[in-house]
Amino acid sequence: MYYNFVRIHTTLQTTPAWRDRGLWEMTDVVEALEVLEAWEN
């Protein structure tokens, strides 16, 4: 998730997943994982 949503790639000058939601921070990744975990239980 970090590679696609947080890390800004030098060749793209943005993240690969930027179109979906804009730039993410690590807190956004953690929140998404918590939601997914709660949904699975």
N, C-alpha and C. Protein backbone atom coordinates (compact mmCIF):
# COMPACT_ATOMS: atom_id res chain seq x y z
N MET A 1 0.82 -1.19 0.00
CA MET A 1 0.00 0.00 0.00
C MET A 1 0.86 1.26 0.00
N TYR A 2 1.93 1.22 0.76
CA TYR A 2 2.81 2.38 0.82
C TYR A 2 3.33 2.72 -0.57
N TYR A 3 3.77 1.70 -1.30
CA TYR A 3 4.36 1.91 -2.62
C TYR A 3 3.37 2.56 -3.58
N ASN A 4 2.10 2.18 -3.54
CA ASN A 4 1.11 2.69 -4.49
C ASN A 4 0.38 3.94 -4.03
N PHE A 5 0.27 4.16 -2.73
CA PHE A 5 -0.55 5.27 -2.26
C PHE A 5 0.21 6.40 -1.58
N VAL A 6 1.40 6.12 -1.05
CA VAL A 6 2.11 7.14 -0.27
C VAL A 6 3.39 7.59 -0.96
N ARG A 7 4.18 6.66 -1.45
CA ARG A 7 5.49 6.98 -2.00
C ARG A 7 5.36 7.73 -3.33
N ILE A 8 5.98 8.89 -3.43
CA ILE A 8 5.97 9.66 -4.67
C ILE A 8 7.12 9.14 -5.54
N HIS A 9 6.78 8.65 -6.70
CA HIS A 9 7.75 8.08 -7.61
C HIS A 9 8.43 9.18 -8.42
N THR A 10 9.72 9.04 -8.61
CA THR A 10 10.47 10.10 -9.30
C THR A 10 10.08 10.23 -10.77
N THR A 11 9.77 9.13 -11.42
CA THR A 11 9.42 9.22 -12.84
C THR A 11 8.00 9.74 -13.04
N LEU A 12 7.10 9.41 -12.14
CA LEU A 12 5.71 9.86 -12.27
C LEU A 12 5.47 11.22 -11.63
N GLN A 13 6.31 11.60 -10.68
CA GLN A 13 6.15 12.82 -9.89
C GLN A 13 4.88 12.78 -9.03
N THR A 14 4.33 11.61 -8.85
CA THR A 14 3.15 11.41 -8.00
C THR A 14 3.09 9.94 -7.63
N THR A 15 2.04 9.52 -6.97
CA THR A 15 1.88 8.11 -6.64
C THR A 15 1.07 7.43 -7.75
N PRO A 16 1.26 6.12 -7.96
CA PRO A 16 0.49 5.42 -8.99
C PRO A 16 -1.02 5.48 -8.75
N ALA A 17 -1.44 5.54 -7.50
CA ALA A 17 -2.86 5.53 -7.19
C ALA A 17 -3.44 6.92 -6.97
N TRP A 18 -2.74 7.94 -7.37
CA TRP A 18 -3.14 9.31 -7.09
C TRP A 18 -4.53 9.65 -7.63
N ARG A 19 -4.89 9.13 -8.79
CA ARG A 19 -6.18 9.47 -9.41
C ARG A 19 -7.36 9.10 -8.53
N ASP A 20 -7.23 8.03 -7.75
CA ASP A 20 -8.35 7.53 -6.96
C ASP A 20 -8.77 8.47 -5.84
N ARG A 21 -7.80 9.02 -5.11
CA ARG A 21 -8.17 9.77 -3.92
C ARG A 21 -7.21 10.91 -3.61
N GLY A 22 -6.21 11.08 -4.39
CA GLY A 22 -5.19 12.07 -4.08
C GLY A 22 -4.08 11.44 -3.26
N LEU A 23 -3.16 12.26 -2.81
CA LEU A 23 -2.03 11.74 -2.05
C LEU A 23 -2.48 11.25 -0.67
N TRP A 24 -1.97 10.09 -0.28
CA TRP A 24 -2.27 9.53 1.03
C TRP A 24 -1.10 9.77 1.96
N GLU A 25 -1.39 9.75 3.24
CA GLU A 25 -0.36 9.75 4.27
C GLU A 25 -0.41 8.40 4.95
N MET A 26 0.59 8.11 5.75
CA MET A 26 0.62 6.82 6.43
C MET A 26 -0.59 6.65 7.35
N THR A 27 -1.10 7.72 7.91
CA THR A 27 -2.29 7.61 8.77
C THR A 27 -3.50 7.15 7.95
N ASP A 28 -3.58 7.57 6.70
CA ASP A 28 -4.67 7.11 5.82
C ASP A 28 -4.57 5.62 5.56
N VAL A 29 -3.34 5.13 5.39
CA VAL A 29 -3.13 3.70 5.16
C VAL A 29 -3.57 2.91 6.38
N VAL A 30 -3.18 3.37 7.56
CA VAL A 30 -3.54 2.68 8.81
C VAL A 30 -5.06 2.68 8.98
N GLU A 31 -5.70 3.79 8.73
CA GLU A 31 -7.17 3.86 8.85
C GLU A 31 -7.84 2.90 7.87
N ALA A 32 -7.35 2.82 6.65
CA ALA A 32 -7.93 1.91 5.67
C ALA A 32 -7.77 0.46 6.11
N LEU A 33 -6.62 0.12 6.66
CA LEU A 33 -6.41 -1.24 7.15
C LEU A 33 -7.30 -1.56 8.34
N GLU A 34 -7.51 -0.59 9.23
CA GLU A 34 -8.40 -0.80 10.37
C GLU A 34 -9.84 -1.02 9.90
N VAL A 35 -10.28 -0.27 8.93
CA VAL A 35 -11.64 -0.45 8.39
C VAL A 35 -11.77 -1.82 7.75
N LEU A 36 -10.78 -2.22 7.00
CA LEU A 36 -10.81 -3.54 6.36
C LEU A 36 -10.83 -4.65 7.39
N GLU A 37 -10.03 -4.51 8.42
CA GLU A 37 -9.99 -5.52 9.48
C GLU A 37 -11.34 -5.62 10.19
N ALA A 38 -11.95 -4.48 10.50
CA ALA A 38 -13.25 -4.48 11.17
C ALA A 38 -14.33 -5.06 10.26
N TRP A 39 -14.23 -4.80 8.99
CA TRP A 39 -15.21 -5.31 8.03
C TRP A 39 -15.13 -6.83 7.90
N GLU A 40 -13.91 -7.37 7.98
CA GLU A 40 -13.72 -8.81 7.84
C GLU A 40 -14.21 -9.57 9.06
N ASN A 41 -14.28 -8.93 10.22
CA ASN A 41 -14.70 -9.62 11.45
C ASN A 41 -16.16 -9.57 11.63
